[in-house]
Amino acid sequence: AWQHTPNPEVRKWSLPSSQHRGLGAPQTYGRSAVDPPPMASALLALPGVRSVLLGADYVSVTKEGSSEWEEVIAAVDECLAQPELFQEVAADEAQPTREWSEIEKEIAEVIHDRIRP
């Protein structure tokens, strides 16, 4: 089910808990994105979709100005009903990450201790 947002060109879909992506900060992807995740690629391939914002437990879609929401919503609903999109995301997230360098650790510590509070 989708929700209105303050921007009339954007709609938001909340993901069921079984499909939460478990990611950190939301990421925006447009048609020119390099190597977007499978879910973003699938949504951007839909007619009328200009950009996609993927959050941990939601997806927001920005439509192209001339597109009708009825058509975009139906296409997004159908796309999000594909369980393989969520399985691919889980597989991508399971890949090991590299160790942080000392400077990266220091930057993360400064952000956590000084900027976030």
Protein backbone atom coordinates (compact mmCIF):
# COMPACT_ATOMS: atom_id res chain seq x y z
CA ALA A 1 0.00 0.00 0.00
CA TRP A 2 1.30 3.42 -0.90
CA GLN A 3 1.08 6.73 0.96
CA HIS A 4 0.94 10.34 -0.13
CA THR A 5 3.94 12.55 0.61
CA PRO A 6 4.15 16.35 0.80
CA ASN A 7 5.57 16.29 -2.74
CA PRO A 8 2.80 15.49 -5.25
CA GLU A 9 5.38 13.89 -7.57
CA VAL A 10 6.40 11.31 -4.90
CA ARG A 11 4.63 8.32 -3.35
CA LYS A 12 5.93 6.11 -0.53
CA TRP A 13 5.51 2.36 -0.10
CA SER A 14 6.13 0.79 3.33
CA LEU A 15 7.73 -2.63 3.11
CA PRO A 16 6.45 -5.56 5.20
CA SER A 17 8.82 -6.53 8.02
CA SER A 18 9.77 -9.71 6.15
CA GLN A 19 11.11 -7.52 3.34
CA HIS A 20 12.98 -4.87 5.33
CA ARG A 21 16.30 -4.19 3.71
CA GLY A 22 18.26 -3.61 6.91
CA LEU A 23 20.30 -0.83 5.33
CA GLY A 24 21.65 2.29 6.95
CA ALA A 25 20.96 5.64 5.33
CA PRO A 26 18.40 5.84 2.52
CA GLN A 27 19.87 6.00 -0.98
CA THR A 28 18.44 7.75 -4.04
CA TYR A 29 18.85 6.29 -7.52
CA GLY A 30 18.06 7.90 -10.84
CA ARG A 31 18.17 6.56 -14.37
CA SER A 32 21.88 7.42 -14.63
CA ALA A 33 22.82 5.52 -11.44
CA VAL A 34 25.85 3.26 -11.80
CA ASP A 35 25.22 -0.30 -10.60
CA PRO A 36 22.06 0.30 -8.54
CA PRO A 37 20.70 -2.56 -6.40
CA PRO A 38 18.26 -4.96 -8.10
CA MET A 39 15.19 -3.35 -6.55
CA ALA A 40 16.18 0.13 -7.76
CA SER A 41 16.96 -1.23 -11.24
CA ALA A 42 13.58 -2.94 -11.47
CA LEU A 43 11.69 0.16 -10.33
CA LEU A 44 13.65 2.52 -12.60
CA ALA A 45 12.84 0.29 -15.57
CA LEU A 46 9.12 0.96 -15.08
CA PRO A 47 7.49 3.52 -17.37
CA GLY A 48 6.93 6.85 -15.67
CA VAL A 49 9.47 6.38 -12.84
CA ARG A 50 12.09 9.14 -12.66
CA SER A 51 13.91 8.21 -9.42
CA VAL A 52 13.75 5.86 -6.45
CA LEU A 53 14.66 6.34 -2.79
CA LEU A 54 15.37 3.04 -1.01
CA GLY A 55 15.16 3.10 2.77
CA ALA A 56 15.46 0.29 5.30
CA ASP A 57 11.70 -0.26 5.50
CA TYR A 58 10.26 1.82 2.66
CA VAL A 59 10.58 2.76 -1.00
CA SER A 60 9.73 6.20 -2.38
CA VAL A 61 9.15 6.70 -6.09
CA THR A 62 9.29 10.00 -7.96
CA LYS A 63 7.27 9.97 -11.16
CA GLU A 64 8.07 11.77 -14.35
CA GLY A 65 6.00 14.94 -14.66
CA SER A 66 3.76 13.83 -17.52
CA SER A 67 3.05 10.34 -16.13
CA GLU A 68 -0.23 9.45 -14.45
CA TRP A 69 -0.07 8.12 -10.90
CA GLU A 70 -2.65 5.38 -11.61
CA GLU A 71 -0.32 3.69 -14.09
CA VAL A 72 2.85 4.21 -12.05
CA ILE A 73 1.26 2.92 -8.83
CA ALA A 74 -0.04 -0.22 -10.54
CA ALA A 75 3.41 -0.92 -12.03
CA VAL A 76 5.23 -0.31 -8.71
CA ASP A 77 2.76 -2.52 -6.80
CA GLU A 78 3.31 -5.32 -9.30
CA CYS A 79 7.09 -4.87 -9.14
CA LEU A 80 7.20 -4.90 -5.32
CA ALA A 81 5.16 -8.13 -5.30
CA GLN A 82 8.15 -9.98 -6.79
CA PRO A 83 9.85 -11.82 -3.88
CA GLU A 84 13.07 -12.34 -5.84
CA LEU A 85 13.84 -8.61 -5.57
CA PHE A 86 14.07 -8.96 -1.81
CA GLN A 87 16.04 -12.21 -1.96
CA GLU A 88 18.65 -10.59 -4.20
CA VAL A 89 18.98 -7.69 -1.78
CA ALA A 90 19.52 -10.08 1.10
CA ALA A 91 22.20 -11.94 -0.87
CA ASP A 92 23.95 -8.66 -1.74
CA GLU A 93 23.97 -7.60 1.90
CA ALA A 94 25.45 -10.95 2.98
CA GLN A 95 28.69 -10.26 1.14
CA PRO A 96 31.58 -9.56 3.50
CA THR A 97 32.78 -5.98 3.82
CA ARG A 98 36.38 -4.86 4.02
CA GLU A 99 38.05 -3.67 7.20
CA TRP A 100 38.06 0.07 7.82
CA SER A 101 41.38 1.89 7.72
CA GLU A 102 42.51 3.83 10.79
CA ILE A 103 41.41 7.16 9.28
CA GLU A 104 37.96 5.72 8.44
CA LYS A 105 37.61 4.52 12.03
CA GLU A 106 38.57 7.97 13.33
CA ILE A 107 36.07 9.67 11.01
CA ALA A 108 33.30 7.29 12.11
CA GLU A 109 34.16 7.96 15.76
CA VAL A 110 34.01 11.75 15.26
CA ILE A 111 30.68 11.47 13.48
CA HIS A 112 29.26 9.21 16.18
CA ASP A 113 30.61 11.21 19.16
CA ARG A 114 30.44 14.82 17.97
CA ILE A 115 28.08 15.21 15.05
CA ARG A 116 25.17 12.84 15.76
CA PRO A 117 24.40 13.99 19.33
